[in-house]
Amino acid sequence: MTDLNRETDTPPTDRPATPDAARLVAWGQELLAVHARLRDALEVAREAVDTVVNPADEAADEAGPAPASADPRRMVGLYCHGFCQALEGHHRGEDVSVFTALLELRPDLADVVAELQRDHRVLDHLLGELSRAVDAGADAATLDRHLDGIDAVMETHFRYEEKRLVDALDEPALAAALSRTDRRAALGPLA
């Protein structure tokens, strides 16, 4: 029988050497995971538009019956607004926490961070337009166009950010600088 830590049920070799070591985060890897979750959330919003606003007979059959109390337009609003809040929260956290700490350690990345923050403002505008379209009861084609625009900018932004920052974010000095920072505060609600 393996000797387990009674508090964590982990073998002794899996325990961090110090309590602080458990707090260190590979922020670049966490960023990649959050980007994957945001891509998934966009697809969920897209599927909601496709099946709820403009359902095909077979899509409705696969999804099963909606709850009697579920207003289809309200469901689209929940998914689209949820995606908007997740992406906005992610960018807000980066701007306030991650980029600030990164620039203190790596001022050579200032131009990269400035470009990413410009993208954040563009995406904020696009997300606002999507929210207004959802609230106005726009048709599926209109909502799809909004989602397509967001998808294009978001994907370009994510790829650039991943290419330029993941290695820097995984540096131990950044992990130490952000060791007391909550992941969700730094990378948004999907962290």
Protein backbone atom coordinates (compact mmCIF):
# COMPACT_ATOMS: atom_id res chain seq x y z
CA MET A 1 0.00 0.00 0.00
CA THR A 2 1.31 3.45 -0.93
CA ASP A 3 1.96 5.96 1.83
CA LEU A 4 -0.55 8.76 1.22
CA ASN A 5 -0.75 12.24 2.62
CA ARG A 6 -3.91 12.12 4.73
CA GLU A 7 -4.86 15.70 3.83
CA THR A 8 -4.47 15.43 0.05
CA ASP A 9 -4.51 11.68 -0.71
CA THR A 10 -1.36 12.12 -2.81
CA PRO A 11 1.80 10.04 -2.70
CA PRO A 12 4.67 11.82 -0.91
CA THR A 13 6.58 12.32 -4.18
CA ASP A 14 3.66 14.32 -5.61
CA ARG A 15 3.68 16.86 -2.79
CA PRO A 16 5.34 20.20 -3.48
CA ALA A 17 8.67 20.75 -1.73
CA THR A 18 7.35 23.93 -0.11
CA PRO A 19 3.89 25.44 0.34
CA ASP A 20 4.88 28.27 -2.03
CA ALA A 21 5.77 25.81 -4.81
CA ALA A 22 2.12 24.72 -4.95
CA ARG A 23 1.15 28.32 -5.73
CA LEU A 24 3.46 28.76 -8.74
CA VAL A 25 1.59 28.69 -12.02
CA ALA A 26 2.93 28.23 -15.53
CA TRP A 27 0.97 31.25 -16.77
CA GLY A 28 1.69 30.56 -20.43
CA GLN A 29 0.22 27.08 -20.16
CA GLU A 30 -2.74 28.45 -18.24
CA LEU A 31 -3.23 31.04 -21.00
CA LEU A 32 -3.34 28.27 -23.63
CA ALA A 33 -5.96 26.39 -21.60
CA VAL A 34 -8.10 29.53 -21.17
CA HIS A 35 -7.89 30.28 -24.89
CA ALA A 36 -9.10 26.74 -25.62
CA ARG A 37 -12.05 27.22 -23.23
CA LEU A 38 -12.91 30.56 -24.85
CA ARG A 39 -12.84 28.95 -28.30
CA ASP A 40 -15.21 26.27 -26.95
CA ALA A 41 -17.49 28.93 -25.45
CA LEU A 42 -17.68 30.69 -28.82
CA GLU A 43 -18.70 27.40 -30.44
CA VAL A 44 -21.40 26.87 -27.80
CA ALA A 45 -22.77 30.36 -28.54
CA ARG A 46 -22.65 29.60 -32.26
CA GLU A 47 -24.49 26.31 -31.75
CA ALA A 48 -27.14 28.08 -29.69
CA VAL A 49 -27.73 30.53 -32.52
CA ASP A 50 -27.86 27.75 -35.10
CA THR A 51 -30.21 25.47 -33.16
CA VAL A 52 -32.38 27.95 -31.29
CA VAL A 53 -32.75 30.98 -33.54
CA ASN A 54 -32.87 29.08 -36.81
CA PRO A 55 -33.31 25.40 -35.91
CA ALA A 56 -33.14 22.69 -38.54
CA ASP A 57 -35.46 19.77 -37.94
CA GLU A 58 -32.63 17.29 -37.37
CA ALA A 59 -30.72 19.66 -35.05
CA ALA A 60 -33.83 20.10 -32.92
CA ASP A 61 -34.29 16.32 -32.74
CA GLU A 62 -30.68 15.75 -31.64
CA ALA A 63 -30.82 18.45 -28.98
CA GLY A 64 -33.94 16.99 -27.45
CA PRO A 65 -36.88 18.97 -26.15
CA ALA A 66 -36.19 22.32 -24.56
CA PRO A 67 -37.54 22.87 -21.06
CA ALA A 68 -41.08 24.19 -21.19
CA SER A 69 -39.99 27.38 -19.44
CA ALA A 70 -37.06 27.99 -21.83
CA ASP A 71 -37.60 30.90 -24.17
CA PRO A 72 -35.39 30.13 -27.20
CA ARG A 73 -34.34 33.78 -27.57
CA ARG A 74 -33.45 33.91 -23.90
CA MET A 75 -31.27 30.81 -24.28
CA VAL A 76 -29.32 32.47 -27.12
CA GLY A 77 -28.92 35.53 -24.94
CA LEU A 78 -27.55 33.45 -22.08
CA TYR A 79 -24.96 31.73 -24.26
CA CYS A 80 -23.93 34.83 -26.18
CA HIS A 81 -23.81 37.11 -23.13
CA GLY A 82 -21.97 34.41 -21.20
CA PHE A 83 -19.34 34.18 -23.93
CA CYS A 84 -19.06 37.98 -24.06
CA GLN A 85 -18.54 38.19 -20.30
CA ALA A 86 -15.95 35.41 -20.34
CA LEU A 87 -13.89 37.05 -23.10
CA GLU A 88 -14.20 40.53 -21.57
CA GLY A 89 -13.18 39.16 -18.17
CA HIS A 90 -10.19 37.41 -19.70
CA HIS A 91 -8.95 40.59 -21.35
CA ARG A 92 -9.62 42.74 -18.30
CA GLY A 93 -7.57 40.34 -16.16
CA GLU A 94 -4.71 40.31 -18.64
CA ASP A 95 -4.66 44.11 -18.83
CA VAL A 96 -4.75 44.63 -15.07
CA SER A 97 -2.69 41.73 -13.73
CA VAL A 98 -0.73 39.69 -16.24
CA PHE A 99 0.49 42.43 -18.58
CA THR A 100 1.45 44.70 -15.69
CA ALA A 101 3.59 42.01 -14.08
CA LEU A 102 5.01 40.93 -17.44
CA LEU A 103 6.10 44.44 -18.40
CA GLU A 104 7.83 44.94 -15.05
CA LEU A 105 9.99 41.91 -15.83
CA ARG A 106 10.12 42.15 -19.62
CA PRO A 107 9.88 45.77 -20.81
CA ASP A 108 11.12 44.57 -24.21
CA LEU A 109 7.59 43.21 -24.78
CA ALA A 110 5.91 46.62 -24.49
CA ASP A 111 5.10 46.84 -28.21
CA VAL A 112 3.59 43.34 -28.18
CA VAL A 113 1.45 44.16 -25.14
CA ALA A 114 0.33 47.46 -26.71
CA GLU A 115 -0.81 45.59 -29.83
CA LEU A 116 -2.68 43.03 -27.73
CA GLN A 117 -4.41 45.80 -25.78
CA ARG A 118 -5.50 47.41 -29.06
CA ASP A 119 -7.01 44.05 -30.01
CA HIS A 120 -8.81 44.00 -26.65
CA ARG A 121 -10.47 47.32 -27.48
CA VAL A 122 -11.53 46.07 -30.93
CA LEU A 123 -12.95 42.90 -29.41
CA ASP A 124 -14.76 44.92 -26.72
CA HIS A 125 -16.46 46.89 -29.50
CA LEU A 126 -17.41 43.71 -31.40
CA LEU A 127 -18.73 42.07 -28.23
CA GLY A 128 -20.84 45.16 -27.52
CA GLU A 129 -22.29 44.96 -31.03
CA LEU A 130 -23.14 41.27 -30.53
CA SER A 131 -24.81 42.00 -27.20
CA ARG A 132 -26.92 44.74 -28.75
CA ALA A 133 -27.90 42.46 -31.64
CA VAL A 134 -28.93 39.69 -29.23
CA ASP A 135 -30.92 42.15 -27.10
CA ALA A 136 -32.64 43.50 -30.24
CA GLY A 137 -33.72 39.98 -31.26
CA ALA A 138 -31.58 39.82 -34.41
CA ASP A 139 -32.02 36.88 -36.75
CA ALA A 140 -29.57 33.97 -36.98
CA ALA A 141 -27.77 35.33 -40.06
CA THR A 142 -27.07 38.64 -38.31
CA LEU A 143 -25.87 36.93 -35.13
CA ASP A 144 -23.69 34.58 -37.19
CA ARG A 145 -22.05 37.58 -38.89
CA HIS A 146 -21.27 39.09 -35.49
CA LEU A 147 -19.85 35.78 -34.26
CA ASP A 148 -17.80 35.40 -37.45
CA GLY A 149 -16.24 38.82 -36.94
CA ILE A 150 -15.44 38.10 -33.31
CA ASP A 151 -14.04 34.70 -34.23
CA ALA A 152 -11.71 36.17 -36.87
CA VAL A 153 -10.28 38.87 -34.61
CA MET A 154 -10.18 36.62 -31.54
CA GLU A 155 -8.35 33.81 -33.33
CA THR A 156 -5.76 36.17 -34.84
CA HIS A 157 -5.31 37.79 -31.43
CA PHE A 158 -4.94 34.45 -29.63
CA ARG A 159 -2.40 33.11 -32.13
CA TYR A 160 -0.29 36.26 -31.91
CA GLU A 161 -0.46 36.29 -28.12
CA GLU A 162 0.41 32.61 -27.89
CA LYS A 163 3.32 32.97 -30.30
CA ARG A 164 4.78 36.06 -28.66
CA LEU A 165 4.03 35.60 -24.95
CA VAL A 166 3.67 31.96 -23.86
CA ASP A 167 7.39 31.40 -23.28
CA ALA A 168 7.72 34.69 -21.39
CA LEU A 169 4.65 33.89 -19.30
CA ASP A 170 6.13 30.52 -18.35
CA GLU A 171 9.30 32.10 -16.97
CA PRO A 172 9.72 31.32 -13.24
CA ALA A 173 10.19 35.01 -12.41
CA LEU A 174 6.69 35.79 -13.70
CA ALA A 175 5.23 32.85 -11.80
CA ALA A 176 6.85 34.21 -8.65
CA ALA A 177 5.63 37.76 -9.37
CA LEU A 178 2.07 36.51 -9.81
CA SER A 179 2.20 33.84 -7.10
CA ARG A 180 -0.43 35.56 -4.96
CA THR A 181 -2.68 36.39 -7.90
CA ASP A 182 -5.91 34.47 -8.35
CA ARG A 183 -6.00 32.77 -11.76
CA ARG A 184 -9.53 33.95 -12.45
CA ALA A 185 -8.65 37.53 -11.58
CA ALA A 186 -5.68 37.31 -13.94
CA LEU A 187 -7.13 35.31 -16.85
CA GLY A 188 -10.88 35.59 -16.48
CA PRO A 189 -13.74 33.40 -15.34
CA LEU A 190 -12.73 30.39 -17.44
CA ALA A 191 -9.30 30.06 -15.80
